Amino acid sequence: MFYGESGTAKLLVFSQVVLSLQLSFAVIPLILFTSDRRKMGEFVIPLWLKTLAWITAAIIVLLNVKYLFDTIVEWIK
């Protein structure tokens, strides 16, 4: 309200950064949980799916680190 449309856009970007960073904290425990045979029993995910899930999680984490770095660099400018 005080900063106009540019302030709203910056706040929206900031909120998306926070949400994207939280995604890793949901995905990684989910993979760990569904990969554990003691917890999941016969419903444990197969090795190919576990591998694909970890690759996807790694991509999410790497993109979040890049996005966070780019956002911090933009704020410094």
PDB file of N, CA and C in Angstrom:
ATOM      1  N   MET A   1       0.825  -1.176   0.000  1.00  0.00           N
ATOM      2  CA  MET A   1       0.000   0.000   0.000  1.00  0.00           C
ATOM      3  C   MET A   1       0.880   1.254   0.000  1.00  0.00           C
ATOM      4  N   PHE A   2       1.946   1.244   0.774  1.00  0.00           N
ATOM      5  CA  PHE A   2       2.802   2.424   0.879  1.00  0.00           C
ATOM      6  C   PHE A   2       3.776   2.557  -0.292  1.00  0.00           C
ATOM      7  N   TYR A   3       4.111   1.427  -0.942  1.00  0.00           N
ATOM      8  CA  TYR A   3       5.140   1.445  -1.974  1.00  0.00           C
ATOM      9  C   TYR A   3       4.598   1.278  -3.386  1.00  0.00           C
ATOM     10  N   GLY A   4       3.308   1.176  -3.559  1.00  0.00           N
ATOM     11  CA  GLY A   4       2.717   1.078  -4.888  1.00  0.00           C
ATOM     12  C   GLY A   4       2.877  -0.297  -5.501  1.00  0.00           C
ATOM     13  N   GLU A   5       2.752  -0.334  -6.825  1.00  0.00           N
ATOM     14  CA  GLU A   5       2.799  -1.610  -7.537  1.00  0.00           C
ATOM     15  C   GLU A   5       4.168  -2.260  -7.468  1.00  0.00           C
ATOM     16  N   SER A   6       5.235  -1.473  -7.500  1.00  0.00           N
ATOM     17  CA  SER A   6       6.576  -2.080  -7.448  1.00  0.00           C
ATOM     18  C   SER A   6       6.809  -2.757  -6.104  1.00  0.00           C
ATOM     19  N   GLY A   7       6.292  -2.168  -5.038  1.00  0.00           N
ATOM     20  CA  GLY A   7       6.419  -2.784  -3.722  1.00  0.00           C
ATOM     21  C   GLY A   7       5.623  -4.071  -3.638  1.00  0.00           C
ATOM     22  N   THR A   8       4.460  -4.087  -4.256  1.00  0.00           N
ATOM     23  CA  THR A   8       3.634  -5.289  -4.274  1.00  0.00           C
ATOM     24  C   THR A   8       4.336  -6.395  -5.052  1.00  0.00           C
ATOM     25  N   ALA A   9       4.944  -6.057  -6.168  1.00  0.00           N
ATOM     26  CA  ALA A   9       5.660  -7.046  -6.976  1.00  0.00           C
ATOM     27  C   ALA A   9       6.840  -7.621  -6.201  1.00  0.00           C
ATOM     28  N   LYS A  10       7.572  -6.773  -5.507  1.00  0.00           N
ATOM     29  CA  LYS A  10       8.714  -7.254  -4.720  1.00  0.00           C
ATOM     30  C   LYS A  10       8.252  -8.152  -3.576  1.00  0.00           C
ATOM     31  N   LEU A  11       7.146  -7.790  -2.954  1.00  0.00           N
ATOM     32  CA  LEU A  11       6.611  -8.614  -1.876  1.00  0.00           C
ATOM     33  C   LEU A  11       6.137  -9.961  -2.414  1.00  0.00           C
ATOM     34  N   LEU A  12       5.549  -9.974  -3.589  1.00  0.00           N
ATOM     35  CA  LEU A  12       5.107 -11.223  -4.197  1.00  0.00           C
ATOM     36  C   LEU A  12       6.302 -12.125  -4.507  1.00  0.00           C
ATOM     37  N   VAL A  13       7.360 -11.551  -5.050  1.00  0.00           N
ATOM     38  CA  VAL A  13       8.568 -12.332  -5.334  1.00  0.00           C
ATOM     39  C   VAL A  13       9.143 -12.893  -4.038  1.00  0.00           C
ATOM     40  N   PHE A  14       9.185 -12.075  -2.995  1.00  0.00           N
ATOM     41  CA  PHE A  14       9.699 -12.525  -1.703  1.00  0.00           C
ATOM     42  C   PHE A  14       8.863 -13.685  -1.160  1.00  0.00           C
ATOM     43  N   SER A  15       7.558 -13.592  -1.269  1.00  0.00           N
ATOM     44  CA  SER A  15       6.697 -14.665  -0.765  1.00  0.00           C
ATOM     45  C   SER A  15       6.921 -15.952  -1.552  1.00  0.00           C
ATOM     46  N   GLN A  16       7.180 -15.844  -2.854  1.00  0.00           N
ATOM     47  CA  GLN A  16       7.444 -17.029  -3.667  1.00  0.00           C
ATOM     48  C   GLN A  16       8.793 -17.652  -3.312  1.00  0.00           C
ATOM     49  N   VAL A  17       9.767 -16.826  -2.977  1.00  0.00           N
ATOM     50  CA  VAL A  17      11.068 -17.341  -2.532  1.00  0.00           C
ATOM     51  C   VAL A  17      10.887 -18.147  -1.254  1.00  0.00           C
ATOM     52  N   VAL A  18      10.146 -17.602  -0.311  1.00  0.00           N
ATOM     53  CA  VAL A  18       9.911 -18.296   0.957  1.00  0.00           C
ATOM     54  C   VAL A  18       9.169 -19.612   0.718  1.00  0.00           C
ATOM     55  N   LEU A  19       8.155 -19.596  -0.107  1.00  0.00           N
ATOM     56  CA  LEU A  19       7.394 -20.814  -0.395  1.00  0.00           C
ATOM     57  C   LEU A  19       8.247 -21.861  -1.112  1.00  0.00           C
ATOM     58  N   SER A  20       9.067 -21.424  -2.042  1.00  0.00           N
ATOM     59  CA  SER A  20       9.902 -22.385  -2.768  1.00  0.00           C
ATOM     60  C   SER A  20      10.957 -22.992  -1.855  1.00  0.00           C
ATOM     61  N   LEU A  21      11.474 -22.212  -0.912  1.00  0.00           N
ATOM     62  CA  LEU A  21      12.447 -22.759   0.034  1.00  0.00           C
ATOM     63  C   LEU A  21      11.805 -23.787   0.954  1.00  0.00           C
ATOM     64  N   GLN A  22      10.563 -23.613   1.284  1.00  0.00           N
ATOM     65  CA  GLN A  22       9.871 -24.559   2.156  1.00  0.00           C
ATOM     66  C   GLN A  22       9.575 -25.878   1.448  1.00  0.00           C
ATOM     67  N   LEU A  23       9.544 -25.873   0.134  1.00  0.00           N
ATOM     68  CA  LEU A  23       9.245 -27.084  -0.619  1.00  0.00           C
ATOM     69  C   LEU A  23      10.251 -28.194  -0.328  1.00  0.00           C
ATOM     70  N   SER A  24      11.516 -27.839  -0.191  1.00  0.00           N
ATOM     71  CA  SER A  24      12.543 -28.837   0.109  1.00  0.00           C
ATOM     72  C   SER A  24      12.292 -29.508   1.446  1.00  0.00           C
ATOM     73  N   PHE A  25      11.800 -28.753   2.417  1.00  0.00           N
ATOM     74  CA  PHE A  25      11.538 -29.303   3.739  1.00  0.00           C
ATOM     75  C   PHE A  25      10.331 -30.251   3.737  1.00  0.00           C
ATOM     76  N   ALA A  26       9.563 -30.246   2.685  1.00  0.00           N
ATOM     77  CA  ALA A  26       8.441 -31.186   2.561  1.00  0.00           C
ATOM     78  C   ALA A  26       8.824 -32.394   1.701  1.00  0.00           C
ATOM     79  N   VAL A  27       9.557 -32.152   0.622  1.00  0.00           N
ATOM     80  CA  VAL A  27       9.864 -33.214  -0.331  1.00  0.00           C
ATOM     81  C   VAL A  27      10.873 -34.211   0.239  1.00  0.00           C
ATOM     82  N   ILE A  28      11.934 -33.720   0.850  1.00  0.00           N
ATOM     83  CA  ILE A  28      12.988 -34.615   1.339  1.00  0.00           C
ATOM     84  C   ILE A  28      12.470 -35.575   2.413  1.00  0.00           C
ATOM     85  N   PRO A  29      11.763 -35.107   3.454  1.00  0.00           N
ATOM     86  CA  PRO A  29      11.221 -36.080   4.412  1.00  0.00           C
ATOM     87  C   PRO A  29      10.210 -37.044   3.779  1.00  0.00           C
ATOM     88  N   LEU A  30       9.467 -36.572   2.796  1.00  0.00           N
ATOM     89  CA  LEU A  30       8.510 -37.455   2.110  1.00  0.00           C
ATOM     90  C   LEU A  30       9.231 -38.595   1.402  1.00  0.00           C
ATOM     91  N   ILE A  31      10.338 -38.290   0.744  1.00  0.00           N
ATOM     92  CA  ILE A  31      11.123 -39.333   0.073  1.00  0.00           C
ATOM     93  C   ILE A  31      11.699 -40.300   1.107  1.00  0.00           C
ATOM     94  N   LEU A  32      12.243 -39.748   2.185  1.00  0.00           N
ATOM     95  CA  LEU A  32      12.798 -40.605   3.236  1.00  0.00           C
ATOM     96  C   LEU A  32      11.729 -41.517   3.829  1.00  0.00           C
ATOM     97  N   PHE A  33      10.564 -40.971   4.066  1.00  0.00           N
ATOM     98  CA  PHE A  33       9.468 -41.749   4.660  1.00  0.00           C
ATOM     99  C   PHE A  33       9.001 -42.862   3.734  1.00  0.00           C
ATOM    100  N   THR A  34       8.787 -42.536   2.469  1.00  0.00           N
ATOM    101  CA  THR A  34       8.264 -43.535   1.531  1.00  0.00           C
ATOM    102  C   THR A  34       9.325 -44.534   1.086  1.00  0.00           C
ATOM    103  N   SER A  35      10.604 -44.252   1.365  1.00  0.00           N
ATOM    104  CA  SER A  35      11.684 -45.177   1.025  1.00  0.00           C
ATOM    105  C   SER A  35      11.985 -46.158   2.148  1.00  0.00           C
ATOM    106  N   ASP A  36      11.452 -45.926   3.324  1.00  0.00           N
ATOM    107  CA  ASP A  36      11.747 -46.751   4.494  1.00  0.00           C
ATOM    108  C   ASP A  36      10.827 -47.972   4.529  1.00  0.00           C
ATOM    109  N   ARG A  37      11.422 -49.145   4.350  1.00  0.00           N
ATOM    110  CA  ARG A  37      10.644 -50.379   4.320  1.00  0.00           C
ATOM    111  C   ARG A  37       9.998 -50.681   5.672  1.00  0.00           C
ATOM    112  N   ARG A  38      10.635 -50.274   6.787  1.00  0.00           N
ATOM    113  CA  ARG A  38      10.052 -50.515   8.103  1.00  0.00           C
ATOM    114  C   ARG A  38       8.756 -49.732   8.300  1.00  0.00           C
ATOM    115  N   LYS A  39       8.693 -48.544   7.746  1.00  0.00           N
ATOM    116  CA  LYS A  39       7.490 -47.719   7.895  1.00  0.00           C
ATOM    117  C   LYS A  39       6.426 -48.046   6.855  1.00  0.00           C
ATOM    118  N   MET A  40       6.869 -48.283   5.638  1.00  0.00           N
ATOM    119  CA  MET A  40       5.922 -48.444   4.532  1.00  0.00           C
ATOM    120  C   MET A  40       5.557 -49.903   4.250  1.00  0.00           C
ATOM    121  N   GLY A  41       6.384 -50.822   4.702  1.00  0.00           N
ATOM    122  CA  GLY A  41       6.095 -52.240   4.457  1.00  0.00           C
ATOM    123  C   GLY A  41       6.061 -52.553   2.974  1.00  0.00           C
ATOM    124  N   GLU A  42       4.989 -53.175   2.530  1.00  0.00           N
ATOM    125  CA  GLU A  42       4.874 -53.560   1.122  1.00  0.00           C
ATOM    126  C   GLU A  42       4.637 -52.361   0.196  1.00  0.00           C
ATOM    127  N   PHE A  43       4.347 -51.207   0.757  1.00  0.00           N
ATOM    128  CA  PHE A  43       4.052 -50.016  -0.048  1.00  0.00           C
ATOM    129  C   PHE A  43       5.273 -49.133  -0.294  1.00  0.00           C
ATOM    130  N   VAL A  44       6.456 -49.619   0.074  1.00  0.00           N
ATOM    131  CA  VAL A  44       7.679 -48.854  -0.140  1.00  0.00           C
ATOM    132  C   VAL A  44       7.864 -48.598  -1.636  1.00  0.00           C
ATOM    133  N   ILE A  45       8.417 -47.449  -1.960  1.00  0.00           N
ATOM    134  CA  ILE A  45       8.601 -47.114  -3.378  1.00  0.00           C
ATOM    135  C   ILE A  45       9.750 -47.942  -3.964  1.00  0.00           C
ATOM    136  N   PRO A  46       9.650 -48.300  -5.240  1.00  0.00           N
ATOM    137  CA  PRO A  46      10.732 -49.082  -5.870  1.00  0.00           C
ATOM    138  C   PRO A  46      11.987 -48.222  -6.071  1.00  0.00           C
ATOM    139  N   LEU A  47      13.101 -48.898  -6.319  1.00  0.00           N
ATOM    140  CA  LEU A  47      14.387 -48.219  -6.453  1.00  0.00           C
ATOM    141  C   LEU A  47      14.378 -47.182  -7.578  1.00  0.00           C
ATOM    142  N   TRP A  48      13.751 -47.491  -8.703  1.00  0.00           N
ATOM    143  CA  TRP A  48      13.744 -46.540  -9.825  1.00  0.00           C
ATOM    144  C   TRP A  48      13.006 -45.261  -9.452  1.00  0.00           C
ATOM    145  N   LEU A  49      11.928 -45.404  -8.680  1.00  0.00           N
ATOM    146  CA  LEU A  49      11.159 -44.238  -8.263  1.00  0.00           C
ATOM    147  C   LEU A  49      11.904 -43.442  -7.186  1.00  0.00           C
ATOM    148  N   LYS A  50      12.584 -44.155  -6.310  1.00  0.00           N
ATOM    149  CA  LYS A  50      13.399 -43.508  -5.288  1.00  0.00           C
ATOM    150  C   LYS A  50      14.511 -42.682  -5.943  1.00  0.00           C
ATOM    151  N   THR A  51      15.156 -43.255  -6.946  1.00  0.00           N
ATOM    152  CA  THR A  51      16.215 -42.541  -7.674  1.00  0.00           C
ATOM    153  C   THR A  51      15.651 -41.304  -8.363  1.00  0.00           C
ATOM    154  N   LEU A  52      14.540 -41.457  -9.027  1.00  0.00           N
ATOM    155  CA  LEU A  52      13.898 -40.328  -9.702  1.00  0.00           C
ATOM    156  C   LEU A  52      13.476 -39.248  -8.709  1.00  0.00           C
ATOM    157  N   ALA A  53      12.971 -39.662  -7.559  1.00  0.00           N
ATOM    158  CA  ALA A  53      12.553 -38.715  -6.524  1.00  0.00           C
ATOM    159  C   ALA A  53      13.740 -37.932  -5.987  1.00  0.00           C
ATOM    160  N   TRP A  54      14.873 -38.608  -5.750  1.00  0.00           N
ATOM    161  CA  TRP A  54      16.061 -37.902  -5.246  1.00  0.00           C
ATOM    162  C   TRP A  54      16.637 -36.952  -6.293  1.00  0.00           C
ATOM    163  N   ILE A  55      16.586 -37.340  -7.554  1.00  0.00           N
ATOM    164  CA  ILE A  55      17.042 -36.437  -8.623  1.00  0.00           C
ATOM    165  C   ILE A  55      16.150 -35.202  -8.661  1.00  0.00           C
ATOM    166  N   THR A  56      14.854 -35.413  -8.559  1.00  0.00           N
ATOM    167  CA  THR A  56      13.911 -34.293  -8.549  1.00  0.00           C
ATOM    168  C   THR A  56      14.133 -33.401  -7.336  1.00  0.00           C
ATOM    169  N   ALA A  57      14.345 -33.998  -6.171  1.00  0.00           N
ATOM    170  CA  ALA A  57      14.606 -33.220  -4.962  1.00  0.00           C
ATOM    171  C   ALA A  57      15.892 -32.415  -5.098  1.00  0.00           C
ATOM    172  N   ALA A  58      16.911 -33.019  -5.692  1.00  0.00           N
ATOM    173  CA  ALA A  58      18.173 -32.308  -5.895  1.00  0.00           C
ATOM    174  C   ALA A  58      17.985 -31.114  -6.827  1.00  0.00           C
ATOM    175  N   ILE A  59      17.203 -31.305  -7.874  1.00  0.00           N
ATOM    176  CA  ILE A  59      16.927 -30.194  -8.799  1.00  0.00           C
ATOM    177  C   ILE A  59      16.185 -29.075  -8.077  1.00  0.00           C
ATOM    178  N   ILE A  60      15.206 -29.439  -7.262  1.00  0.00           N
ATOM    179  CA  ILE A  60      14.451 -28.431  -6.500  1.00  0.00           C
ATOM    180  C   ILE A  60      15.379 -27.655  -5.577  1.00  0.00           C
ATOM    181  N   VAL A  61      16.244 -28.367  -4.866  1.00  0.00           N
ATOM    182  CA  VAL A  61      17.165 -27.701  -3.934  1.00  0.00           C
ATOM    183  C   VAL A  61      18.128 -26.793  -4.692  1.00  0.00           C
ATOM    184  N   LEU A  62      18.696 -27.282  -5.777  1.00  0.00           N
ATOM    185  CA  LEU A  62      19.642 -26.469  -6.554  1.00  0.00           C
ATOM    186  C   LEU A  62      18.968 -25.227  -7.136  1.00  0.00           C
ATOM    187  N   LEU A  63      17.764 -25.385  -7.661  1.00  0.00           N
ATOM    188  CA  LEU A  63      17.053 -24.226  -8.203  1.00  0.00           C
ATOM    189  C   LEU A  63      16.699 -23.220  -7.106  1.00  0.00           C
ATOM    190  N   ASN A  64      16.369 -23.731  -5.917  1.00  0.00           N
ATOM    191  CA  ASN A  64      16.070 -22.836  -4.804  1.00  0.00           C
ATOM    192  C   ASN A  64      17.301 -22.055  -4.378  1.00  0.00           C
ATOM    193  N   VAL A  65      18.444 -22.726  -4.338  1.00  0.00           N
ATOM    194  CA  VAL A  65      19.687 -22.036  -3.971  1.00  0.00           C
ATOM    195  C   VAL A  65      20.003 -20.962  -5.004  1.00  0.00           C
ATOM    196  N   LYS A  66      19.851 -21.292  -6.285  1.00  0.00           N
ATOM    197  CA  LYS A  66      20.106 -20.304  -7.343  1.00  0.00           C
ATOM    198  C   LYS A  66      19.122 -19.134  -7.245  1.00  0.00           C
ATOM    199  N   TYR A  67      17.865 -19.454  -7.031  1.00  0.00           N
ATOM    200  CA  TYR A  67      16.836 -18.419  -6.939  1.00  0.00           C
ATOM    201  C   TYR A  67      17.085 -17.513  -5.733  1.00  0.00           C
ATOM    202  N   LEU A  68      17.456 -18.107  -4.617  1.00  0.00           N
ATOM    203  CA  LEU A  68      17.752 -17.331  -3.421  1.00  0.00           C
ATOM    204  C   LEU A  68      18.967 -16.441  -3.648  1.00  0.00           C
ATOM    205  N   PHE A  69      20.000 -16.992  -4.264  1.00  0.00           N
ATOM    206  CA  PHE A  69      21.195 -16.210  -4.571  1.00  0.00           C
ATOM    207  C   PHE A  69      20.864 -15.047  -5.497  1.00  0.00           C
ATOM    208  N   ASP A  70      20.103 -15.316  -6.558  1.00  0.00           N
ATOM    209  CA  ASP A  70      19.726 -14.250  -7.492  1.00  0.00           C
ATOM    210  C   ASP A  70      18.902 -13.167  -6.802  1.00  0.00           C
ATOM    211  N   THR A  71      18.024 -13.566  -5.915  1.00  0.00           N
ATOM    212  CA  THR A  71      17.184 -12.601  -5.196  1.00  0.00           C
ATOM    213  C   THR A  71      18.021 -11.749  -4.261  1.00  0.00           C
ATOM    214  N   ILE A  72      18.959 -12.356  -3.560  1.00  0.00           N
ATOM    215  CA  ILE A  72      19.827 -11.593  -2.650  1.00  0.00           C
ATOM    216  C   ILE A  72      20.693 -10.616  -3.434  1.00  0.00           C
ATOM    217  N   VAL A  73      21.222 -11.069  -4.570  1.00  0.00           N
ATOM    218  CA  VAL A  73      22.029 -10.186  -5.417  1.00  0.00           C
ATOM    219  C   VAL A  73      21.193  -9.006  -5.909  1.00  0.00           C
ATOM    220  N   GLU A  74      19.937  -9.280  -6.265  1.00  0.00           N
ATOM    221  CA  GLU A  74      19.046  -8.207  -6.738  1.00  0.00           C
ATOM    222  C   GLU A  74      18.758  -7.205  -5.622  1.00  0.00           C
ATOM    223  N   TRP A  75      18.578  -7.694  -4.396  1.00  0.00           N
ATOM    224  CA  TRP A  75      18.313  -6.808  -3.270  1.00  0.00           C
ATOM    225  C   TRP A  75      19.511  -5.921  -2.965  1.00  0.00           C
ATOM    226  N   ILE A  76      20.719  -6.470  -3.146  1.00  0.00           N
ATOM    227  CA  ILE A  76      21.949  -5.717  -2.859  1.00  0.00           C
ATOM    228  C   ILE A  76      22.132  -4.577  -3.859  1.00  0.00           C
ATOM    229  N   LYS A  77      21.725  -4.800  -5.077  1.00  0.00           N
ATOM    230  CA  LYS A  77      21.899  -3.766  -6.122  1.00  0.00           C
ATOM    231  C   LYS A  77      21.109  -2.547  -5.856  1.00  0.00           C
TER     232      LYS A  77
END
